[in-house]
Amino acid sequence: MRKEDTVKLISAEGFEFVIDKKAAMVSQTIRNMLTSPGSFAETEHGEVTFPEISTTILEKICQYFYWSLQYASGKETEFHIEPELTLELMMAANYLHT
């Protein structure tokens, strides 16, 4: 996979998730960060840092992006969310507009 087809999402702890750009575009916030006109670091480098989102939550968000693409293409599967992650995940989803 080519570098321009991927996006690097970086958690508060510095853990890096490299995912398909198409999956990352599920998030309106990430889409805006990566496609905004001008010389924004996110646009130039294809990486977005989330200083307020923990590694565990960002990992679940990445899983959701891929699940969302599958669901949109007609593959209906369950997306399991651990109860202890629910509040943090809802706050992150609200920020990311997913």
C-alpha atoms as a PDB file:
ATOM      1  CA  MET A   1       0.000   0.000   0.000  1.00  0.00           C
ATOM      2  CA  ARG A   2       1.308   3.437  -0.917  1.00  0.00           C
ATOM      3  CA  LYS A   3       1.999   6.018   1.786  1.00  0.00           C
ATOM      4  CA  GLU A   4      -0.485   8.473   0.251  1.00  0.00           C
ATOM      5  CA  ASP A   5      -3.226   5.830   0.608  1.00  0.00           C
ATOM      6  CA  THR A   6      -2.736   5.627   4.367  1.00  0.00           C
ATOM      7  CA  VAL A   7      -3.146   7.915   7.352  1.00  0.00           C
ATOM      8  CA  LYS A   8      -1.275   7.768  10.637  1.00  0.00           C
ATOM      9  CA  LEU A   9      -3.406   8.402  13.719  1.00  0.00           C
ATOM     10  CA  ILE A  10      -1.417   9.046  16.902  1.00  0.00           C
ATOM     11  CA  SER A  11      -2.882   8.535  20.374  1.00  0.00           C
ATOM     12  CA  ALA A  12      -2.257  10.571  23.515  1.00  0.00           C
ATOM     13  CA  GLU A  13       0.428   8.065  24.558  1.00  0.00           C
ATOM     14  CA  GLY A  14       2.158   8.319  21.173  1.00  0.00           C
ATOM     15  CA  PHE A  15       1.016   4.963  19.777  1.00  0.00           C
ATOM     16  CA  GLU A  16       0.651   5.120  15.991  1.00  0.00           C
ATOM     17  CA  PHE A  17      -2.121   3.488  13.964  1.00  0.00           C
ATOM     18  CA  VAL A  18      -1.576   3.410  10.217  1.00  0.00           C
ATOM     19  CA  ILE A  19      -4.917   2.864   8.509  1.00  0.00           C
ATOM     20  CA  ASP A  20      -6.384   3.182   5.015  1.00  0.00           C
ATOM     21  CA  LYS A  21      -7.190   6.776   4.146  1.00  0.00           C
ATOM     22  CA  LYS A  22     -10.635   5.632   2.986  1.00  0.00           C
ATOM     23  CA  ALA A  23     -11.331   4.225   6.464  1.00  0.00           C
ATOM     24  CA  ALA A  24     -10.122   7.395   8.191  1.00  0.00           C
ATOM     25  CA  MET A  25     -12.460   9.463   6.016  1.00  0.00           C
ATOM     26  CA  VAL A  26     -15.408   7.921   7.873  1.00  0.00           C
ATOM     27  CA  SER A  27     -14.710  10.675  10.396  1.00  0.00           C
ATOM     28  CA  GLN A  28     -15.834  14.124   9.267  1.00  0.00           C
ATOM     29  CA  THR A  29     -13.237  15.721  11.560  1.00  0.00           C
ATOM     30  CA  ILE A  30     -10.351  13.692  10.121  1.00  0.00           C
ATOM     31  CA  ARG A  31     -11.632  14.278   6.591  1.00  0.00           C
ATOM     32  CA  ASN A  32     -11.571  18.039   7.217  1.00  0.00           C
ATOM     33  CA  MET A  33      -8.083  17.872   8.733  1.00  0.00           C
ATOM     34  CA  LEU A  34      -6.684  15.956   5.760  1.00  0.00           C
ATOM     35  CA  THR A  35      -8.417  17.820   2.954  1.00  0.00           C
ATOM     36  CA  SER A  36      -8.315  21.426   4.156  1.00  0.00           C
ATOM     37  CA  PRO A  37      -6.673  23.855   1.781  1.00  0.00           C
ATOM     38  CA  GLY A  38      -3.425  25.358   2.953  1.00  0.00           C
ATOM     39  CA  SER A  39      -0.256  24.098   4.537  1.00  0.00           C
ATOM     40  CA  PHE A  40      -1.596  22.225   7.538  1.00  0.00           C
ATOM     41  CA  ALA A  41       0.719  19.583   8.985  1.00  0.00           C
ATOM     42  CA  GLU A  42      -2.052  16.956   8.857  1.00  0.00           C
ATOM     43  CA  THR A  43      -2.573  17.568   5.148  1.00  0.00           C
ATOM     44  CA  GLU A  44       1.131  17.597   4.295  1.00  0.00           C
ATOM     45  CA  HIS A  45       2.221  14.595   6.366  1.00  0.00           C
ATOM     46  CA  GLY A  46      -0.934  12.481   6.431  1.00  0.00           C
ATOM     47  CA  GLU A  47      -0.862  12.124  10.187  1.00  0.00           C
ATOM     48  CA  VAL A  48      -3.175  13.336  12.898  1.00  0.00           C
ATOM     49  CA  THR A  49      -2.325  13.501  16.607  1.00  0.00           C
ATOM     50  CA  PHE A  50      -5.070  13.181  19.195  1.00  0.00           C
ATOM     51  CA  PRO A  51      -3.621  14.371  22.529  1.00  0.00           C
ATOM     52  CA  GLU A  52      -6.922  13.695  24.311  1.00  0.00           C
ATOM     53  CA  ILE A  53      -7.687  10.203  22.946  1.00  0.00           C
ATOM     54  CA  SER A  54      -6.071   7.202  24.642  1.00  0.00           C
ATOM     55  CA  THR A  55      -4.533   4.313  22.731  1.00  0.00           C
ATOM     56  CA  THR A  56      -7.319   1.923  23.746  1.00  0.00           C
ATOM     57  CA  ILE A  57     -10.035   4.281  22.527  1.00  0.00           C
ATOM     58  CA  LEU A  58      -8.216   5.183  19.297  1.00  0.00           C
ATOM     59  CA  GLU A  59      -7.755   1.489  18.528  1.00  0.00           C
ATOM     60  CA  LYS A  60     -11.499   0.929  18.935  1.00  0.00           C
ATOM     61  CA  ILE A  61     -12.209   3.938  16.730  1.00  0.00           C
ATOM     62  CA  CYS A  62      -9.964   2.515  13.997  1.00  0.00           C
ATOM     63  CA  GLN A  63     -11.843  -0.787  14.244  1.00  0.00           C
ATOM     64  CA  TYR A  64     -15.100   1.128  13.916  1.00  0.00           C
ATOM     65  CA  PHE A  65     -13.895   2.910  10.764  1.00  0.00           C
ATOM     66  CA  TYR A  66     -13.276  -0.429   9.048  1.00  0.00           C
ATOM     67  CA  TRP A  67     -16.548  -1.868  10.372  1.00  0.00           C
ATOM     68  CA  SER A  68     -18.408   1.189   9.057  1.00  0.00           C
ATOM     69  CA  LEU A  69     -16.983   0.689   5.554  1.00  0.00           C
ATOM     70  CA  GLN A  70     -18.048  -2.964   5.597  1.00  0.00           C
ATOM     71  CA  TYR A  71     -21.522  -2.065   6.857  1.00  0.00           C
ATOM     72  CA  ALA A  72     -21.900   0.603   4.147  1.00  0.00           C
ATOM     73  CA  SER A  73     -21.056  -2.003   1.508  1.00  0.00           C
ATOM     74  CA  GLY A  74     -23.841  -4.293   2.747  1.00  0.00           C
ATOM     75  CA  LYS A  75     -21.982  -6.583   5.122  1.00  0.00           C
ATOM     76  CA  GLU A  76     -24.008  -6.468   8.317  1.00  0.00           C
ATOM     77  CA  THR A  77     -22.042  -7.640  11.329  1.00  0.00           C
ATOM     78  CA  GLU A  78     -22.091  -6.762  14.982  1.00  0.00           C
ATOM     79  CA  PHE A  79     -19.721  -4.169  16.410  1.00  0.00           C
ATOM     80  CA  HIS A  80     -18.964  -5.075  19.995  1.00  0.00           C
ATOM     81  CA  ILE A  81     -18.157  -2.329  22.504  1.00  0.00           C
ATOM     82  CA  GLU A  82     -16.882  -3.212  25.946  1.00  0.00           C
ATOM     83  CA  PRO A  83     -19.062  -1.490  28.585  1.00  0.00           C
ATOM     84  CA  GLU A  84     -16.053   0.051  30.330  1.00  0.00           C
ATOM     85  CA  LEU A  85     -15.103   1.899  27.115  1.00  0.00           C
ATOM     86  CA  THR A  86     -18.542   3.315  26.371  1.00  0.00           C
ATOM     87  CA  LEU A  87     -18.243   6.796  27.909  1.00  0.00           C
ATOM     88  CA  GLU A  88     -14.781   7.585  26.530  1.00  0.00           C
ATOM     89  CA  LEU A  89     -15.751   6.147  23.154  1.00  0.00           C
ATOM     90  CA  MET A  90     -18.884   8.288  22.973  1.00  0.00           C
ATOM     91  CA  MET A  91     -16.884  11.428  23.759  1.00  0.00           C
ATOM     92  CA  ALA A  92     -14.289  10.598  21.102  1.00  0.00           C
ATOM     93  CA  ALA A  93     -16.973   9.728  18.539  1.00  0.00           C
ATOM     94  CA  ASN A  94     -18.658  13.057  19.213  1.00  0.00           C
ATOM     95  CA  TYR A  95     -15.375  14.913  18.623  1.00  0.00           C
ATOM     96  CA  LEU A  96     -14.635  12.937  15.468  1.00  0.00           C
ATOM     97  CA  HIS A  97     -18.194  13.234  14.095  1.00  0.00           C
ATOM     98  CA  THR A  98     -18.463   9.507  13.439  1.00  0.00           C
END
